[in-house]
Amino acid sequence: MKNRKPWFSLLIVFVVMNALFLAFQHRLVEKGFSTDVLIIGNLILFMATLLSFVVFYKTLRSPNPQASMRGLYGSFMIKFFICVIAAFAYIMIARKSVNKPSLFFCMALYIVYTVIEVSSLSRMLKQQKNA
């Protein structure tokens, strides 16, 4: 269990959330959610978080402490702007038929992915200091 990859938690959340979206599709639609928006939003968040994770992970190898800070801010900006651009594109395409409950749920997923990313990276930093 300790030998698993640091991004494994992100993959688990992605798979579990998509499985839940598909399993409870009819209930979600009854409650006003769009499962298409949820699944695509989850995919975008997963890919953006994975890219952000890789950018910051590469800077951890640098002995320069400023590189780590640049990596931290850079990875945050990458993920944030990918999500903002995706939301803006969805809003422009859907116009009046924007599914607000699904969009707000994707915002909550952004927080979940960010918490998992930060906890995985901080765990890696602790292991690196102890090594």
N, C-alpha and C. Protein backbone atom coordinates (compact mmCIF):
# COMPACT_ATOMS: atom_id res chain seq x y z
N MET A 1 0.82 -1.20 0.00
CA MET A 1 0.00 0.00 0.00
C MET A 1 0.86 1.26 0.00
N LYS A 2 2.01 1.21 0.67
CA LYS A 2 2.87 2.37 0.73
C LYS A 2 3.61 2.60 -0.57
N ASN A 3 3.71 1.60 -1.43
CA ASN A 3 4.44 1.72 -2.68
C ASN A 3 3.58 2.27 -3.81
N ARG A 4 2.35 2.63 -3.55
CA ARG A 4 1.50 3.12 -4.62
C ARG A 4 1.96 4.51 -5.08
N LYS A 5 1.62 4.82 -6.28
CA LYS A 5 2.00 6.10 -6.88
C LYS A 5 1.25 7.24 -6.19
N PRO A 6 1.88 8.42 -6.12
CA PRO A 6 1.23 9.55 -5.43
C PRO A 6 -0.06 10.02 -6.10
N TRP A 7 -0.21 9.80 -7.39
CA TRP A 7 -1.41 10.24 -8.09
C TRP A 7 -2.53 9.20 -8.04
N PHE A 8 -2.29 8.09 -7.37
CA PHE A 8 -3.27 7.01 -7.31
C PHE A 8 -4.59 7.47 -6.67
N SER A 9 -4.50 8.31 -5.64
CA SER A 9 -5.71 8.82 -4.98
C SER A 9 -6.56 9.63 -5.95
N LEU A 10 -5.91 10.40 -6.82
CA LEU A 10 -6.65 11.18 -7.81
C LEU A 10 -7.40 10.26 -8.77
N LEU A 11 -6.74 9.19 -9.17
CA LEU A 11 -7.37 8.23 -10.08
C LEU A 11 -8.56 7.55 -9.42
N ILE A 12 -8.41 7.19 -8.15
CA ILE A 12 -9.52 6.55 -7.42
C ILE A 12 -10.73 7.49 -7.35
N VAL A 13 -10.50 8.75 -7.02
CA VAL A 13 -11.62 9.71 -6.94
C VAL A 13 -12.28 9.85 -8.31
N PHE A 14 -11.48 9.95 -9.35
CA PHE A 14 -12.03 10.08 -10.70
C PHE A 14 -12.92 8.89 -11.07
N VAL A 15 -12.41 7.70 -10.85
CA VAL A 15 -13.16 6.48 -11.21
C VAL A 15 -14.42 6.34 -10.36
N VAL A 16 -14.29 6.55 -9.06
CA VAL A 16 -15.44 6.42 -8.16
C VAL A 16 -16.52 7.45 -8.49
N MET A 17 -16.12 8.69 -8.72
CA MET A 17 -17.12 9.72 -9.03
C MET A 17 -17.84 9.41 -10.34
N ASN A 18 -17.10 9.01 -11.36
CA ASN A 18 -17.76 8.67 -12.63
C ASN A 18 -18.68 7.46 -12.48
N ALA A 19 -18.26 6.48 -11.68
CA ALA A 19 -19.11 5.32 -11.44
C ALA A 19 -20.39 5.74 -10.72
N LEU A 20 -20.27 6.63 -9.75
CA LEU A 20 -21.45 7.13 -9.04
C LEU A 20 -22.36 7.94 -9.96
N PHE A 21 -21.77 8.76 -10.82
CA PHE A 21 -22.57 9.54 -11.77
C PHE A 21 -23.37 8.62 -12.69
N LEU A 22 -22.75 7.55 -13.13
CA LEU A 22 -23.43 6.62 -14.03
C LEU A 22 -24.45 5.75 -13.29
N ALA A 23 -24.10 5.32 -12.08
CA ALA A 23 -25.00 4.46 -11.31
C ALA A 23 -26.27 5.20 -10.87
N PHE A 24 -26.12 6.47 -10.52
CA PHE A 24 -27.26 7.25 -10.04
C PHE A 24 -27.73 8.28 -11.07
N GLN A 25 -27.54 7.95 -12.34
CA GLN A 25 -27.87 8.88 -13.41
C GLN A 25 -29.33 9.32 -13.37
N HIS A 26 -30.24 8.39 -13.20
CA HIS A 26 -31.67 8.74 -13.21
C HIS A 26 -32.03 9.63 -12.02
N ARG A 27 -31.49 9.33 -10.86
CA ARG A 27 -31.76 10.17 -9.69
C ARG A 27 -31.18 11.56 -9.86
N LEU A 28 -29.98 11.63 -10.41
CA LEU A 28 -29.35 12.94 -10.62
C LEU A 28 -30.16 13.78 -11.59
N VAL A 29 -30.65 13.16 -12.65
CA VAL A 29 -31.47 13.88 -13.63
C VAL A 29 -32.76 14.37 -12.98
N GLU A 30 -33.37 13.53 -12.13
CA GLU A 30 -34.59 13.93 -11.42
C GLU A 30 -34.33 15.14 -10.52
N LYS A 31 -33.14 15.22 -9.95
CA LYS A 31 -32.79 16.33 -9.05
C LYS A 31 -32.32 17.57 -9.81
N GLY A 32 -32.23 17.47 -11.14
CA GLY A 32 -31.87 18.64 -11.94
C GLY A 32 -30.42 18.69 -12.39
N PHE A 33 -29.67 17.63 -12.18
CA PHE A 33 -28.27 17.59 -12.60
C PHE A 33 -28.17 17.04 -14.02
N SER A 34 -27.12 17.42 -14.71
CA SER A 34 -26.82 16.85 -16.02
C SER A 34 -25.61 15.94 -15.86
N THR A 35 -25.81 14.65 -16.08
CA THR A 35 -24.69 13.71 -15.89
C THR A 35 -23.60 13.94 -16.93
N ASP A 36 -23.97 14.44 -18.10
CA ASP A 36 -22.94 14.74 -19.11
C ASP A 36 -22.00 15.84 -18.60
N VAL A 37 -22.58 16.89 -18.04
CA VAL A 37 -21.77 17.99 -17.50
C VAL A 37 -20.91 17.49 -16.34
N LEU A 38 -21.48 16.64 -15.48
CA LEU A 38 -20.73 16.12 -14.34
C LEU A 38 -19.56 15.25 -14.78
N ILE A 39 -19.79 14.38 -15.75
CA ILE A 39 -18.72 13.48 -16.20
C ILE A 39 -17.63 14.25 -16.94
N ILE A 40 -18.02 15.15 -17.83
CA ILE A 40 -17.03 15.94 -18.56
C ILE A 40 -16.28 16.87 -17.60
N GLY A 41 -17.01 17.47 -16.66
CA GLY A 41 -16.36 18.32 -15.66
C GLY A 41 -15.38 17.55 -14.81
N ASN A 42 -15.76 16.34 -14.43
CA ASN A 42 -14.87 15.48 -13.64
C ASN A 42 -13.62 15.13 -14.45
N LEU A 43 -13.79 14.85 -15.73
CA LEU A 43 -12.65 14.53 -16.59
C LEU A 43 -11.71 15.73 -16.71
N ILE A 44 -12.26 16.91 -16.93
CA ILE A 44 -11.44 18.11 -17.05
C ILE A 44 -10.70 18.38 -15.75
N LEU A 45 -11.39 18.25 -14.62
CA LEU A 45 -10.75 18.47 -13.33
C LEU A 45 -9.65 17.45 -13.07
N PHE A 46 -9.89 16.20 -13.41
CA PHE A 46 -8.88 15.16 -13.23
C PHE A 46 -7.64 15.46 -14.07
N MET A 47 -7.85 15.77 -15.34
CA MET A 47 -6.71 16.05 -16.23
C MET A 47 -5.96 17.31 -15.79
N ALA A 48 -6.69 18.35 -15.40
CA ALA A 48 -6.04 19.59 -14.95
C ALA A 48 -5.25 19.35 -13.67
N THR A 49 -5.82 18.58 -12.75
CA THR A 49 -5.13 18.29 -11.49
C THR A 49 -3.91 17.42 -11.74
N LEU A 50 -4.02 16.47 -12.64
CA LEU A 50 -2.88 15.62 -12.97
C LEU A 50 -1.75 16.45 -13.60
N LEU A 51 -2.09 17.35 -14.50
CA LEU A 51 -1.10 18.23 -15.11
C LEU A 51 -0.46 19.13 -14.06
N SER A 52 -1.27 19.69 -13.19
CA SER A 52 -0.78 20.54 -12.11
C SER A 52 0.14 19.76 -11.18
N PHE A 53 -0.24 18.54 -10.89
CA PHE A 53 0.55 17.66 -10.03
C PHE A 53 1.92 17.39 -10.64
N VAL A 54 1.95 17.09 -11.94
CA VAL A 54 3.21 16.80 -12.63
C VAL A 54 4.11 18.02 -12.66
N VAL A 55 3.54 19.20 -12.91
CA VAL A 55 4.34 20.43 -12.94
C VAL A 55 4.99 20.67 -11.58
N PHE A 56 4.23 20.54 -10.52
CA PHE A 56 4.81 20.78 -9.19
C PHE A 56 5.77 19.67 -8.80
N TYR A 57 5.46 18.44 -9.16
CA TYR A 57 6.33 17.31 -8.82
C TYR A 57 7.72 17.47 -9.44
N LYS A 58 7.77 17.99 -10.66
CA LYS A 58 9.06 18.21 -11.32
C LYS A 58 9.90 19.24 -10.58
N THR A 59 9.27 20.23 -9.99
CA THR A 59 10.04 21.26 -9.28
C THR A 59 10.52 20.77 -7.92
N LEU A 60 9.95 19.70 -7.40
CA LEU A 60 10.41 19.17 -6.12
C LEU A 60 11.83 18.61 -6.21
N ARG A 61 12.22 18.19 -7.38
CA ARG A 61 13.55 17.62 -7.58
C ARG A 61 14.64 18.70 -7.58
N SER A 62 14.26 19.94 -7.75
CA SER A 62 15.23 21.03 -7.82
C SER A 62 15.74 21.39 -6.43
N PRO A 63 17.05 21.61 -6.29
CA PRO A 63 17.60 22.02 -4.99
C PRO A 63 17.28 23.48 -4.66
N ASN A 64 16.83 24.22 -5.65
CA ASN A 64 16.52 25.64 -5.48
C ASN A 64 15.14 25.80 -4.83
N PRO A 65 15.04 26.43 -3.64
CA PRO A 65 13.73 26.58 -2.99
C PRO A 65 12.79 27.50 -3.77
N GLN A 66 13.34 28.44 -4.54
CA GLN A 66 12.48 29.31 -5.34
C GLN A 66 11.79 28.52 -6.46
N ALA A 67 12.45 27.49 -6.93
CA ALA A 67 11.84 26.66 -7.98
C ALA A 67 10.59 25.97 -7.46
N SER A 68 10.63 25.54 -6.21
CA SER A 68 9.44 24.91 -5.63
C SER A 68 8.28 25.89 -5.52
N MET A 69 8.59 27.12 -5.12
CA MET A 69 7.52 28.13 -5.02
C MET A 69 6.97 28.48 -6.40
N ARG A 70 7.85 28.62 -7.38
CA ARG A 70 7.38 28.88 -8.75
C ARG A 70 6.51 27.72 -9.25
N GLY A 71 6.93 26.51 -8.93
CA GLY A 71 6.15 25.34 -9.33
C GLY A 71 4.79 25.31 -8.66
N LEU A 72 4.76 25.69 -7.39
CA LEU A 72 3.49 25.73 -6.65
C LEU A 72 2.53 26.73 -7.27
N TYR A 73 3.01 27.95 -7.48
CA TYR A 73 2.14 28.97 -8.06
C TYR A 73 1.79 28.65 -9.51
N GLY A 74 2.76 28.14 -10.26
CA GLY A 74 2.51 27.77 -11.65
C GLY A 74 1.48 26.67 -11.78
N SER A 75 1.59 25.66 -10.93
CA SER A 75 0.64 24.54 -11.00
C SER A 75 -0.76 25.00 -10.60
N PHE A 76 -0.84 25.88 -9.61
CA PHE A 76 -2.15 26.43 -9.22
C PHE A 76 -2.76 27.21 -10.38
N MET A 77 -1.96 28.06 -11.00
CA MET A 77 -2.47 28.90 -12.09
C MET A 77 -2.92 28.04 -13.29
N ILE A 78 -2.14 27.01 -13.59
CA ILE A 78 -2.51 26.12 -14.71
C ILE A 78 -3.88 25.50 -14.45
N LYS A 79 -4.04 24.91 -13.28
CA LYS A 79 -5.30 24.23 -12.97
C LYS A 79 -6.46 25.22 -12.91
N PHE A 80 -6.24 26.35 -12.28
CA PHE A 80 -7.29 27.35 -12.14
C PHE A 80 -7.75 27.85 -13.50
N PHE A 81 -6.81 28.20 -14.37
CA PHE A 81 -7.20 28.75 -15.66
C PHE A 81 -7.80 27.70 -16.59
N ILE A 82 -7.35 26.47 -16.50
CA ILE A 82 -7.99 25.40 -17.29
C ILE A 82 -9.45 25.28 -16.87
N CYS A 83 -9.70 25.30 -15.58
CA CYS A 83 -11.08 25.17 -15.08
C CYS A 83 -11.93 26.38 -15.44
N VAL A 84 -11.36 27.57 -15.32
CA VAL A 84 -12.10 28.79 -15.67
C VAL A 84 -12.44 28.80 -17.16
N ILE A 85 -11.47 28.45 -18.00
CA ILE A 85 -11.71 28.42 -19.44
C ILE A 85 -12.76 27.37 -19.80
N ALA A 86 -12.69 26.20 -19.17
CA ALA A 86 -13.69 25.16 -19.44
C ALA A 86 -15.09 25.61 -19.02
N ALA A 87 -15.19 26.23 -17.84
CA ALA A 87 -16.50 26.72 -17.38
C ALA A 87 -17.02 27.82 -18.30
N PHE A 88 -16.14 28.74 -18.70
CA PHE A 88 -16.54 29.82 -19.60
C PHE A 88 -17.00 29.26 -20.94
N ALA A 89 -16.28 28.28 -21.48
CA ALA A 89 -16.66 27.67 -22.75
C ALA A 89 -18.02 26.99 -22.63
N TYR A 90 -18.24 26.28 -21.53
CA TYR A 90 -19.54 25.62 -21.32
C TYR A 90 -20.66 26.65 -21.24
N ILE A 91 -20.44 27.72 -20.50
CA ILE A 91 -21.46 28.76 -20.35
C ILE A 91 -21.76 29.43 -21.69
N MET A 92 -20.73 29.68 -22.48
CA MET A 92 -20.93 30.31 -23.79
C MET A 92 -21.65 29.37 -24.76
N ILE A 93 -21.34 28.09 -24.69
CA ILE A 93 -21.98 27.12 -25.60
C ILE A 93 -23.42 26.87 -25.18
N ALA A 94 -23.66 26.68 -23.89
CA ALA A 94 -25.00 26.33 -23.41
C ALA A 94 -25.93 27.53 -23.34
N ARG A 95 -25.37 28.71 -23.15
CA ARG A 95 -26.14 29.96 -23.02
C ARG A 95 -27.24 29.83 -21.95
N LYS A 96 -28.48 29.78 -22.38
CA LYS A 96 -29.60 29.78 -21.44
C LYS A 96 -29.83 28.44 -20.76
N SER A 97 -29.30 27.37 -21.33
CA SER A 97 -29.54 26.04 -20.76
C SER A 97 -28.39 25.55 -19.88
N VAL A 98 -27.67 26.49 -19.27
CA VAL A 98 -26.57 26.11 -18.36
C VAL A 98 -27.16 25.36 -17.17
N ASN A 99 -26.58 24.23 -16.85
CA ASN A 99 -27.04 23.43 -15.72
C ASN A 99 -26.27 23.87 -14.48
N LYS A 100 -26.88 24.77 -13.72
CA LYS A 100 -26.21 25.36 -12.55
C LYS A 100 -25.89 24.34 -11.45
N PRO A 101 -26.80 23.41 -11.13
CA PRO A 101 -26.44 22.44 -10.09
C PRO A 101 -25.19 21.63 -10.44
N SER A 102 -25.08 21.23 -11.69
CA SER A 102 -23.90 20.46 -12.11
C SER A 102 -22.64 21.32 -12.08
N LEU A 103 -22.77 22.57 -12.47
CA LEU A 103 -21.63 23.48 -12.45
C LEU A 103 -21.15 23.72 -11.02
N PHE A 104 -22.09 23.89 -10.09
CA PHE A 104 -21.71 24.08 -8.68
C PHE A 104 -21.11 22.80 -8.09
N PHE A 105 -21.61 21.65 -8.52
CA PHE A 105 -21.04 20.40 -8.05
C PHE A 105 -19.60 20.25 -8.55
N CYS A 106 -19.36 20.69 -9.78
CA CYS A 106 -17.99 20.65 -10.31
C CYS A 106 -17.07 21.58 -9.52
N MET A 107 -17.62 22.69 -9.03
CA MET A 107 -16.82 23.57 -8.16
C MET A 107 -16.42 22.84 -6.88
N ALA A 108 -17.35 22.07 -6.33
CA ALA A 108 -17.04 21.29 -5.13
C ALA A 108 -16.00 20.22 -5.45
N LEU A 109 -16.10 19.62 -6.64
CA LEU A 109 -15.10 18.63 -7.06
C LEU A 109 -13.72 19.27 -7.19
N TYR A 110 -13.67 20.52 -7.62
CA TYR A 110 -12.40 21.25 -7.71
C TYR A 110 -11.73 21.28 -6.34
N ILE A 111 -12.51 21.54 -5.31
CA ILE A 111 -11.97 21.59 -3.95
C ILE A 111 -11.49 20.20 -3.52
N VAL A 112 -12.26 19.17 -3.83
CA VAL A 112 -11.87 17.80 -3.48
C VAL A 112 -10.55 17.43 -4.14
N TYR A 113 -10.44 17.68 -5.44
CA TYR A 113 -9.20 17.36 -6.15
C TYR A 113 -8.02 18.17 -5.61
N THR A 114 -8.25 19.43 -5.26
CA THR A 114 -7.17 20.26 -4.73
C THR A 114 -6.70 19.74 -3.38
N VAL A 115 -7.62 19.35 -2.52
CA VAL A 115 -7.25 18.80 -1.20
C VAL A 115 -6.43 17.52 -1.37
N ILE A 116 -6.86 16.65 -2.26
CA ILE A 116 -6.12 15.40 -2.49
C ILE A 116 -4.74 15.69 -3.06
N GLU A 117 -4.67 16.62 -4.00
CA GLU A 117 -3.38 16.97 -4.60
C GLU A 117 -2.42 17.53 -3.55
N VAL A 118 -2.89 18.44 -2.74
CA VAL A 118 -2.04 19.06 -1.72
C VAL A 118 -1.61 18.04 -0.67
N SER A 119 -2.52 17.17 -0.26
CA SER A 119 -2.14 16.17 0.75
C SER A 119 -1.12 15.18 0.18
N SER A 120 -1.27 14.79 -1.08
CA SER A 120 -0.30 13.88 -1.70
C SER A 120 1.06 14.53 -1.83
N LEU A 121 1.07 15.79 -2.25
CA LEU A 121 2.35 16.49 -2.41
C LEU A 121 3.02 16.75 -1.06
N SER A 122 2.24 17.08 -0.04
CA SER A 122 2.84 17.31 1.28
C SER A 122 3.39 16.00 1.85
N ARG A 123 2.72 14.90 1.59
CA ARG A 123 3.22 13.59 2.00
C ARG A 123 4.54 13.28 1.31
N MET A 124 4.62 13.62 0.03
CA MET A 124 5.86 13.41 -0.72
C MET A 124 6.98 14.29 -0.18
N LEU A 125 6.66 15.52 0.20
CA LEU A 125 7.67 16.41 0.77
C LEU A 125 8.20 15.87 2.08
N LYS A 126 7.33 15.32 2.91
CA LYS A 126 7.77 14.74 4.18
C LYS A 126 8.69 13.54 3.94
N GLN A 127 8.34 12.70 2.98
CA GLN A 127 9.17 11.54 2.67
C GLN A 127 10.52 11.98 2.12
N GLN A 128 10.53 13.05 1.35
CA GLN A 128 11.76 13.55 0.76
C GLN A 128 12.69 14.10 1.85
N LYS A 129 12.13 14.77 2.85
CA LYS A 129 12.94 15.32 3.94
C LYS A 129 13.50 14.21 4.82
N ASN A 130 12.74 13.13 4.99
CA ASN A 130 13.18 12.02 5.84
C ASN A 130 14.19 11.12 5.14
N ALA A 131 14.24 11.18 3.82
CA ALA A 131 15.13 10.28 3.07
C ALA A 131 16.58 10.69 3.20
